[in-house]
Amino acid sequence: MTVSKMAQNLIGSEIIKVAGEVNAMIARGEPICNLTIGDFDPGIFPIPTELKNQIIQAYEQGHTNYPPANGVAVLREAVAAFTQDKLGLSYPEEDILVAGGSRPLIYATYLAIVDPGDKVVFPTPSWNNNHYCHLSGATPVMVETGPENNFMPTAADVKPHLKGAALLALCSPLNPTGTMFTKKDLQEICDLVLEENHSRSEGEKPLYILYDQIYWMLTFGGAAHYDPVSLRPELKDYVVYIDGISKSFAATGVRVGYAYGPALVMSKMKAILGHVGAWAPKAEQTATAAFLKQPEKVAAFMGTFKPKVQESLDVLYNGFRQLKADGFAVDAIEPMGAIYLTVKIDLAGKTTPDGKQLQNSQDVTFYVLQEAKLAVVPFSAFGTSRDLNWFRLSVGGASLESIKASLQNLRAALQKLK
């Protein structure tokens, strides 16, 4: 039996492979600190009480039929007002599209803009762009980044690749790194996109930016969130924003995402998702609208949720910095946003107690899992080489106590290596 060439060549998720081993160990009763999945344990990070109550109320009121293909009007109105108030971005409700989380919206952006063979430029590490290129038939142009700029791309990084490209896919705060664009770096990238579009002939497809800012409400310390249109208003016809409640309200399973951007692109995305049927449930949409219209409730939730996320990130960060100070081959980048910490666990060439030499990040991943009971994801799951020994640690699914214990377990595991 045969299937399509696309399906035959589709690469499985490396995160799911790690998760499979993690789940098997948990099933055997082993105490794993699982920092792999970009999700939240509802027992640790519940959704806002007001949002939960509104969802229940919406079901009791009978909101169980199909929603409109572009989202219920009351939610699109609420998103327009919320986005204007919080980000200063002005989009009419007809240019806002609601879907079942951000993934269908990202996929629809690709399908609405990219023809098979078109170039899509994106940094590595970054989340899933390589897979969306495969699904859409695009030609991926992967731009390597490094720790010297917190794994965020610069104008110098992307400039050689923009000529003739159809899409530049960016994310800030970035999954998997938890780092963010500086104002200067994003301004310079925006200027390159404007320059490239000015150079194209009439009728030629422009270069668009897909800007995933699903984590914009989760920023820490002095880090500030920036976006392309706020910095360069003349880019408004070329930027598709990806947003939603999944991360900011610990509501990954509620499945309410939204996008906004140029009217033509949004109308085509609406048509695409209308055929796919990737809608957010009507009750959840209605409840989200009600919650967004209560800014004092949103602020109260974020006032407790954000510090709790930051505490977990800070404990991990300080733990890795202490391990580095004690002479171990590890490092970490200070968390700026999202729910992720970027860490270096540079154990290639080390020998385990059973005589196995660790060769790459995959070997390190499974050594740390087996010996420290700590589950992490290598950056190779996000498009980098397995020789790059940097990792994503996600704090949404682990308790603070589990995180603290994992640092002690990691220290013991590192001490066993030769």
Protein backbone atom coordinates (compact mmCIF):
# COMPACT_ATOMS: atom_id res chain seq x y z
CA MET A 1 0.00 0.00 0.00
CA THR A 2 1.14 3.54 -0.73
CA VAL A 3 0.19 6.98 0.50
CA SER A 4 0.95 10.48 -0.77
CA LYS A 5 4.55 11.57 -1.09
CA MET A 6 3.82 14.32 1.41
CA ALA A 7 2.62 11.79 3.98
CA GLN A 8 5.44 9.37 3.23
CA ASN A 9 8.07 12.02 3.90
CA LEU A 10 6.44 13.74 6.85
CA ILE A 11 8.79 13.70 9.82
CA GLY A 12 7.35 12.76 13.20
CA SER A 13 7.71 15.05 16.17
CA GLU A 14 10.89 14.54 18.17
CA ILE A 15 9.05 15.93 21.18
CA ILE A 16 6.50 13.11 20.89
CA LYS A 17 9.33 10.55 20.79
CA VAL A 18 10.74 11.90 24.04
CA ALA A 19 7.24 12.09 25.50
CA GLY A 20 6.69 8.42 24.70
CA GLU A 21 9.68 7.41 26.79
CA VAL A 22 8.63 9.82 29.55
CA ASN A 23 5.11 8.37 29.67
CA ALA A 24 6.47 4.83 29.82
CA MET A 25 8.67 5.74 32.79
CA ILE A 26 5.79 7.50 34.55
CA ALA A 27 3.64 4.41 33.98
CA ARG A 28 6.32 2.36 35.76
CA GLY A 29 6.00 4.68 38.73
CA GLU A 30 9.20 6.65 38.21
CA PRO A 31 9.11 10.27 39.48
CA ILE A 32 9.80 12.28 36.31
CA CYS A 33 10.09 16.05 36.21
CA ASN A 34 8.54 16.54 32.78
CA LEU A 35 9.73 19.78 31.18
CA THR A 36 9.02 18.70 27.60
CA ILE A 37 5.56 19.83 26.61
CA GLY A 38 4.54 23.46 26.08
CA ASP A 39 1.41 22.88 28.11
CA PHE A 40 0.04 23.54 31.58
CA ASP A 41 -0.90 21.14 34.35
CA PRO A 42 -4.37 22.42 35.37
CA GLY A 43 -3.66 21.33 38.93
CA ILE A 44 -0.77 23.80 39.04
CA PHE A 45 -1.89 26.45 36.55
CA PRO A 46 -5.72 26.47 36.29
CA ILE A 47 -7.50 28.69 33.82
CA PRO A 48 -9.14 31.87 35.17
CA THR A 49 -12.16 31.07 37.33
CA GLU A 50 -14.24 33.66 35.50
CA LEU A 51 -13.39 32.08 32.14
CA LYS A 52 -14.29 28.62 33.41
CA ASN A 53 -17.62 29.86 34.76
CA GLN A 54 -18.39 31.64 31.49
CA ILE A 55 -17.70 28.41 29.54
CA ILE A 56 -20.08 26.47 31.78
CA GLN A 57 -22.71 29.18 31.45
CA ALA A 58 -22.34 29.23 27.66
CA TYR A 59 -23.04 25.49 27.46
CA GLU A 60 -26.02 25.86 29.79
CA GLN A 61 -27.34 28.56 27.46
CA GLY A 62 -27.18 26.13 24.53
CA HIS A 63 -24.16 27.39 22.59
CA THR A 64 -23.52 23.93 21.13
CA ASN A 65 -24.15 24.50 17.41
CA TYR A 66 -21.74 25.56 14.66
CA PRO A 67 -20.07 28.94 15.12
CA PRO A 68 -19.63 31.25 12.11
CA ALA A 69 -16.64 30.22 9.99
CA ASN A 70 -14.63 33.29 11.00
CA GLY A 71 -15.67 33.23 14.67
CA VAL A 72 -18.64 34.58 16.61
CA ALA A 73 -19.09 38.32 16.16
CA VAL A 74 -18.99 39.08 19.88
CA LEU A 75 -15.52 37.49 20.17
CA ARG A 76 -14.14 39.25 17.11
CA GLU A 77 -15.40 42.53 18.53
CA ALA A 78 -13.79 41.74 21.90
CA VAL A 79 -10.48 40.80 20.26
CA ALA A 80 -10.48 44.03 18.24
CA ALA A 81 -11.04 46.11 21.38
CA PHE A 82 -8.54 44.11 23.48
CA THR A 83 -5.83 44.31 20.80
CA GLN A 84 -6.37 48.03 20.36
CA ASP A 85 -6.28 48.67 24.10
CA LYS A 86 -3.30 46.47 24.99
CA LEU A 87 -1.13 46.63 21.87
CA GLY A 88 -2.31 49.73 20.05
CA LEU A 89 -3.05 47.63 16.96
CA SER A 90 -6.24 48.64 15.14
CA TYR A 91 -7.98 45.93 13.10
CA PRO A 92 -11.69 45.83 12.20
CA GLU A 93 -13.59 42.75 13.31
CA GLU A 94 -13.96 41.55 9.70
CA ASP A 95 -10.15 41.23 9.51
CA ILE A 96 -10.03 39.00 12.59
CA LEU A 97 -10.25 35.23 12.21
CA VAL A 98 -10.93 32.81 15.07
CA ALA A 99 -9.89 29.14 15.04
CA GLY A 100 -9.27 26.17 17.31
CA GLY A 101 -5.96 27.46 18.67
CA SER A 102 -3.07 29.02 16.80
CA ARG A 103 -1.97 25.97 14.80
CA PRO A 104 -4.77 26.05 12.20
CA LEU A 105 -4.19 29.78 11.79
CA ILE A 106 -0.47 29.31 11.13
CA TYR A 107 -1.22 26.54 8.64
CA ALA A 108 -3.88 28.68 6.94
CA THR A 109 -1.38 31.55 6.68
CA TYR A 110 1.02 29.26 4.84
CA LEU A 111 -1.68 27.98 2.49
CA ALA A 112 -3.04 31.47 1.77
CA ILE A 113 0.36 32.98 0.92
CA VAL A 114 2.77 30.24 -0.14
CA ASP A 115 2.72 28.36 -3.44
CA PRO A 116 4.59 25.05 -3.75
CA GLY A 117 8.26 25.83 -4.26
CA ASP A 118 8.05 29.32 -2.74
CA LYS A 119 10.77 30.26 -0.25
CA VAL A 120 9.83 30.56 3.41
CA VAL A 121 12.50 32.05 5.64
CA PHE A 122 12.55 31.25 9.35
CA PRO A 123 15.13 31.04 12.15
CA THR A 124 16.28 27.88 13.84
CA PRO A 125 15.46 26.96 16.45
CA SER A 126 11.78 27.73 15.94
CA TRP A 127 8.56 25.82 16.37
CA ASN A 128 7.14 23.71 13.53
CA ASN A 129 7.98 25.95 10.57
CA ASN A 130 9.88 23.09 8.95
CA HIS A 131 6.75 20.93 9.15
CA TYR A 132 4.45 23.65 7.79
CA CYS A 133 6.84 24.07 4.87
CA HIS A 134 6.56 20.35 4.19
CA LEU A 135 2.77 20.39 4.41
CA SER A 136 2.48 23.38 2.06
CA GLY A 137 5.22 22.34 -0.38
CA ALA A 138 7.30 25.41 0.42
CA THR A 139 11.06 25.55 0.16
CA PRO A 140 12.39 26.06 3.70
CA VAL A 141 15.22 28.52 4.22
CA MET A 142 16.47 27.90 7.74
CA VAL A 143 18.50 30.70 9.29
CA GLU A 144 20.79 29.53 12.06
CA THR A 145 20.90 31.63 15.22
CA GLY A 146 23.13 31.40 18.29
CA PRO A 147 23.39 32.16 21.98
CA GLU A 148 25.30 35.39 21.33
CA ASN A 149 21.95 36.97 20.35
CA ASN A 150 19.73 34.80 22.57
CA PHE A 151 18.88 32.61 19.56
CA MET A 152 16.89 35.48 18.00
CA PRO A 153 17.51 36.34 14.34
CA THR A 154 19.06 39.66 13.36
CA ALA A 155 18.72 41.67 10.17
CA ALA A 156 22.17 40.49 9.12
CA ASP A 157 21.02 36.88 9.57
CA VAL A 158 17.94 37.14 7.36
CA LYS A 159 19.05 39.71 4.77
CA PRO A 160 20.79 37.27 2.38
CA HIS A 161 17.63 35.16 2.11
CA LEU A 162 14.77 37.61 1.53
CA LYS A 163 15.13 38.15 -2.22
CA GLY A 164 12.24 36.31 -3.86
CA ALA A 165 10.90 34.84 -0.60
CA ALA A 166 7.13 34.69 -0.02
CA LEU A 167 7.08 34.53 3.77
CA LEU A 168 9.27 35.41 6.74
CA ALA A 169 8.05 33.47 9.80
CA LEU A 170 8.93 35.09 13.14
CA CYS A 171 7.92 34.51 16.76
CA SER A 172 8.46 36.61 19.89
CA PRO A 173 8.57 35.64 22.71
CA LEU A 174 10.08 32.67 20.93
CA ASN A 175 9.15 29.04 21.27
CA PRO A 176 11.45 27.23 22.12
CA THR A 177 13.84 29.71 23.70
CA GLY A 178 11.76 32.04 25.87
CA THR A 179 13.78 34.94 24.44
CA MET A 180 12.54 38.04 22.61
CA PHE A 181 13.34 40.57 19.92
CA THR A 182 14.97 43.79 20.96
CA LYS A 183 13.32 46.87 19.50
CA LYS A 184 16.40 47.59 17.37
CA ASP A 185 16.66 44.08 15.90
CA LEU A 186 12.99 43.91 14.96
CA GLN A 187 13.04 47.43 13.48
CA GLU A 188 15.98 46.51 11.27
CA ILE A 189 14.27 43.33 10.07
CA CYS A 190 11.10 45.29 9.33
CA ASP A 191 13.11 47.79 7.29
CA LEU A 192 14.55 44.94 5.23
CA VAL A 193 11.05 43.63 4.47
CA LEU A 194 9.91 47.10 3.40
CA GLU A 195 13.00 47.50 1.22
CA GLU A 196 12.41 44.10 -0.38
CA ASN A 197 8.77 44.86 -1.12
CA HIS A 198 9.62 48.25 -2.60
CA SER A 199 11.99 46.48 -5.00
CA ARG A 200 9.33 44.11 -6.36
CA SER A 201 7.48 44.83 -9.57
CA GLU A 202 3.76 45.52 -9.80
CA GLY A 203 1.79 42.28 -9.69
CA GLU A 204 4.61 40.37 -8.02
CA LYS A 205 3.71 38.62 -4.78
CA PRO A 206 5.00 40.64 -1.81
CA LEU A 207 7.06 39.33 1.06
CA TYR A 208 4.77 38.77 4.04
CA ILE A 209 5.63 38.40 7.72
CA LEU A 210 3.93 35.76 9.83
CA TYR A 211 4.30 37.13 13.37
CA ASP A 212 3.47 34.62 16.09
CA GLN A 213 3.00 36.54 19.34
CA ILE A 214 0.92 33.99 21.24
CA TYR A 215 3.13 34.55 24.32
CA TRP A 216 3.12 38.36 24.29
CA MET A 217 1.36 38.68 27.66
CA LEU A 218 3.99 36.50 29.34
CA THR A 219 7.04 38.74 29.61
CA PHE A 220 9.28 39.09 32.64
CA GLY A 221 11.56 41.61 34.29
CA GLY A 222 12.44 44.51 32.05
CA ALA A 223 11.70 42.65 28.82
CA ALA A 224 9.27 44.49 26.51
CA HIS A 225 7.26 43.02 23.66
CA TYR A 226 7.53 44.62 20.20
CA ASP A 227 5.63 43.91 17.01
CA PRO A 228 6.20 44.86 13.37
CA VAL A 229 3.22 47.14 12.63
CA SER A 230 3.64 49.14 15.84
CA LEU A 231 7.26 49.78 14.85
CA ARG A 232 6.63 50.29 11.12
CA PRO A 233 2.95 51.11 10.38
CA GLU A 234 3.58 50.90 6.63
CA LEU A 235 3.96 47.12 7.09
CA LYS A 236 0.28 46.69 7.95
CA ASP A 237 -0.55 45.24 4.51
CA TYR A 238 2.16 42.59 4.89
CA VAL A 239 1.89 41.19 8.44
CA VAL A 240 -0.33 38.36 9.66
CA TYR A 241 -0.47 38.19 13.47
CA ILE A 242 -1.05 34.93 15.33
CA ASP A 243 -2.53 35.35 18.80
CA GLY A 244 -4.96 33.75 21.24
CA ILE A 245 -5.65 32.76 24.83
CA SER A 246 -3.89 29.38 24.96
CA LYS A 247 -0.73 30.50 26.72
CA SER A 248 -1.65 33.80 28.37
CA PHE A 249 -4.53 32.23 30.31
CA ALA A 250 -3.10 28.67 30.68
CA ALA A 251 -5.98 27.65 28.41
CA THR A 252 -4.29 25.34 25.92
CA GLY A 253 -7.22 22.91 25.90
CA VAL A 254 -9.85 25.63 25.54
CA ARG A 255 -8.68 25.99 21.92
CA VAL A 256 -9.38 29.64 21.14
CA GLY A 257 -6.87 31.31 18.85
CA TYR A 258 -7.21 34.31 16.61
CA ALA A 259 -5.32 35.98 13.79
CA TYR A 260 -5.51 39.43 12.25
CA GLY A 261 -3.89 41.03 9.24
CA PRO A 262 -4.46 42.25 5.68
CA ALA A 263 -8.08 41.94 4.53
CA LEU A 264 -7.29 39.92 1.38
CA VAL A 265 -5.13 37.38 3.20
CA MET A 266 -7.59 37.05 6.08
CA SER A 267 -10.49 36.44 3.70
CA LYS A 268 -8.57 33.62 2.00
CA MET A 269 -7.57 32.14 5.36
CA LYS A 270 -11.25 32.21 6.35
CA ALA A 271 -12.16 30.28 3.20
CA ILE A 272 -9.42 27.72 3.81
CA LEU A 273 -10.41 27.08 7.41
CA GLY A 274 -14.07 27.04 6.40
CA HIS A 275 -13.32 23.94 4.35
CA VAL A 276 -11.11 22.41 7.04
CA GLY A 277 -13.61 23.17 9.83
CA ALA A 278 -10.93 23.99 12.41
CA TRP A 279 -13.27 26.10 14.52
CA ALA A 280 -13.04 26.86 18.19
CA PRO A 281 -16.14 25.57 20.03
CA LYS A 282 -18.89 28.16 20.11
CA ALA A 283 -19.30 28.06 23.90
CA GLU A 284 -15.57 28.67 24.43
CA GLN A 285 -15.65 31.55 21.96
CA THR A 286 -18.59 33.16 23.74
CA ALA A 287 -16.92 32.73 27.12
CA THR A 288 -13.62 34.17 25.87
CA ALA A 289 -15.42 37.23 24.58
CA ALA A 290 -17.03 37.79 27.97
CA PHE A 291 -13.70 37.40 29.76
CA LEU A 292 -11.77 39.74 27.46
CA LYS A 293 -14.40 42.40 28.12
CA GLN A 294 -13.52 42.35 31.84
CA PRO A 295 -10.07 43.99 31.94
CA GLU A 296 -10.00 44.02 35.73
CA LYS A 297 -10.53 40.23 35.79
CA VAL A 298 -7.82 39.72 33.16
CA ALA A 299 -5.40 41.90 35.15
CA ALA A 300 -6.19 40.07 38.41
CA PHE A 301 -5.50 36.68 36.82
CA MET A 302 -2.25 37.80 35.20
CA GLY A 303 -1.19 39.35 38.50
CA THR A 304 -1.01 35.89 40.08
CA PHE A 305 -0.33 33.70 37.04
CA LYS A 306 2.73 35.51 35.67
CA PRO A 307 4.68 35.60 38.96
CA LYS A 308 4.07 31.88 39.44
CA VAL A 309 5.43 31.08 35.96
CA GLN A 310 8.37 33.41 36.51
CA GLU A 311 9.21 31.80 39.85
CA SER A 312 9.53 28.38 38.21
CA LEU A 313 11.67 29.81 35.41
CA ASP A 314 13.88 31.70 37.87
CA VAL A 315 14.44 28.62 40.05
CA LEU A 316 15.55 26.66 36.99
CA TYR A 317 17.71 29.49 35.68
CA ASN A 318 19.44 30.08 39.01
CA GLY A 319 19.92 26.35 39.47
CA PHE A 320 21.71 26.02 36.13
CA ARG A 321 23.81 29.09 36.78
CA GLN A 322 24.89 27.57 40.10
CA LEU A 323 25.80 24.31 38.39
CA LYS A 324 27.89 26.30 35.92
CA ALA A 325 29.59 28.18 38.76
CA ASP A 326 30.42 24.82 40.32
CA GLY A 327 32.28 23.75 37.20
CA PHE A 328 29.73 21.68 35.33
CA ALA A 329 29.40 22.02 31.53
CA VAL A 330 26.01 23.69 31.59
CA ASP A 331 24.65 27.19 31.02
CA ALA A 332 21.35 29.05 30.72
CA ILE A 333 19.95 32.21 29.15
CA GLU A 334 17.97 34.44 31.46
CA PRO A 335 14.22 33.97 30.81
CA MET A 336 12.50 36.91 29.12
CA GLY A 337 9.10 35.57 28.15
CA ALA A 338 6.83 32.57 27.45
CA ILE A 339 7.13 29.44 29.61
CA TYR A 340 10.54 28.25 28.42
CA LEU A 341 14.11 28.31 29.62
CA THR A 342 17.01 27.83 27.20
CA VAL A 343 19.80 25.75 28.72
CA LYS A 344 23.07 24.26 27.55
CA ILE A 345 23.98 20.75 28.69
CA ASP A 346 27.27 20.17 26.91
CA LEU A 347 28.02 16.53 27.65
CA ALA A 348 29.19 15.34 24.21
CA GLY A 349 32.29 13.20 24.63
CA LYS A 350 31.49 12.33 28.25
CA THR A 351 31.25 8.67 29.28
CA THR A 352 28.33 7.32 31.28
CA PRO A 353 28.72 4.92 34.25
CA ASP A 354 27.90 1.98 31.97
CA GLY A 355 30.67 2.96 29.54
CA LYS A 356 28.62 4.60 26.79
CA GLN A 357 30.04 7.76 25.23
CA LEU A 358 27.51 10.55 24.72
CA GLN A 359 27.71 11.75 21.13
CA ASN A 360 24.98 14.35 20.56
CA SER A 361 21.98 16.13 22.03
CA GLN A 362 19.75 13.08 21.62
CA ASP A 363 22.16 10.99 23.71
CA VAL A 364 22.24 13.76 26.32
CA THR A 365 18.43 13.95 26.36
CA PHE A 366 18.03 10.30 27.20
CA TYR A 367 20.93 10.23 29.67
CA VAL A 368 19.43 13.11 31.63
CA LEU A 369 16.04 11.42 31.48
CA GLN A 370 17.30 8.07 32.73
CA GLU A 371 19.76 9.30 35.35
CA ALA A 372 18.27 12.58 36.57
CA LYS A 373 14.60 11.78 35.88
CA LEU A 374 14.52 15.12 34.08
CA ALA A 375 12.73 15.30 30.72
CA VAL A 376 13.91 18.05 28.34
CA VAL A 377 13.68 18.70 24.60
CA PRO A 378 16.79 19.22 22.44
CA PHE A 379 16.83 22.10 19.98
CA SER A 380 17.15 19.48 17.23
CA ALA A 381 13.37 19.09 17.65
CA PHE A 382 13.14 22.68 16.41
CA GLY A 383 15.28 22.44 13.30
CA THR A 384 18.86 22.60 14.58
CA SER A 385 21.65 20.04 14.32
CA ARG A 386 21.86 17.28 16.92
CA ASP A 387 25.40 18.46 17.57
CA LEU A 388 24.03 21.62 19.16
CA ASN A 389 23.72 20.80 22.86
CA TRP A 390 21.08 23.37 23.77
CA PHE A 391 17.68 22.42 25.13
CA ARG A 392 14.17 23.74 25.84
CA LEU A 393 12.78 23.38 29.35
CA SER A 394 9.06 24.09 29.70
CA VAL A 395 7.75 24.85 33.19
CA GLY A 396 3.98 24.67 32.66
CA GLY A 397 3.60 21.01 33.52
CA ALA A 398 5.83 20.68 36.59
CA SER A 399 5.45 21.77 40.19
CA LEU A 400 8.03 24.02 41.82
CA GLU A 401 8.93 21.21 44.20
CA SER A 402 9.54 18.83 41.29
CA ILE A 403 11.74 21.40 39.56
CA LYS A 404 13.85 21.92 42.68
CA ALA A 405 14.29 18.17 43.11
CA SER A 406 15.25 17.77 39.44
CA LEU A 407 18.16 20.17 39.87
CA GLN A 408 19.60 18.02 42.63
CA ASN A 409 19.08 14.91 40.52
CA LEU A 410 20.83 16.58 37.59
CA ARG A 411 23.81 17.48 39.75
CA ALA A 412 24.14 13.83 40.79
CA ALA A 413 23.84 12.66 37.17
CA LEU A 414 26.53 15.09 36.02
CA GLN A 415 28.88 13.92 38.78
CA LYS A 416 28.64 10.34 37.48
CA LEU A 417 30.09 11.21 34.07
CA LYS A 418 33.73 10.79 33.19
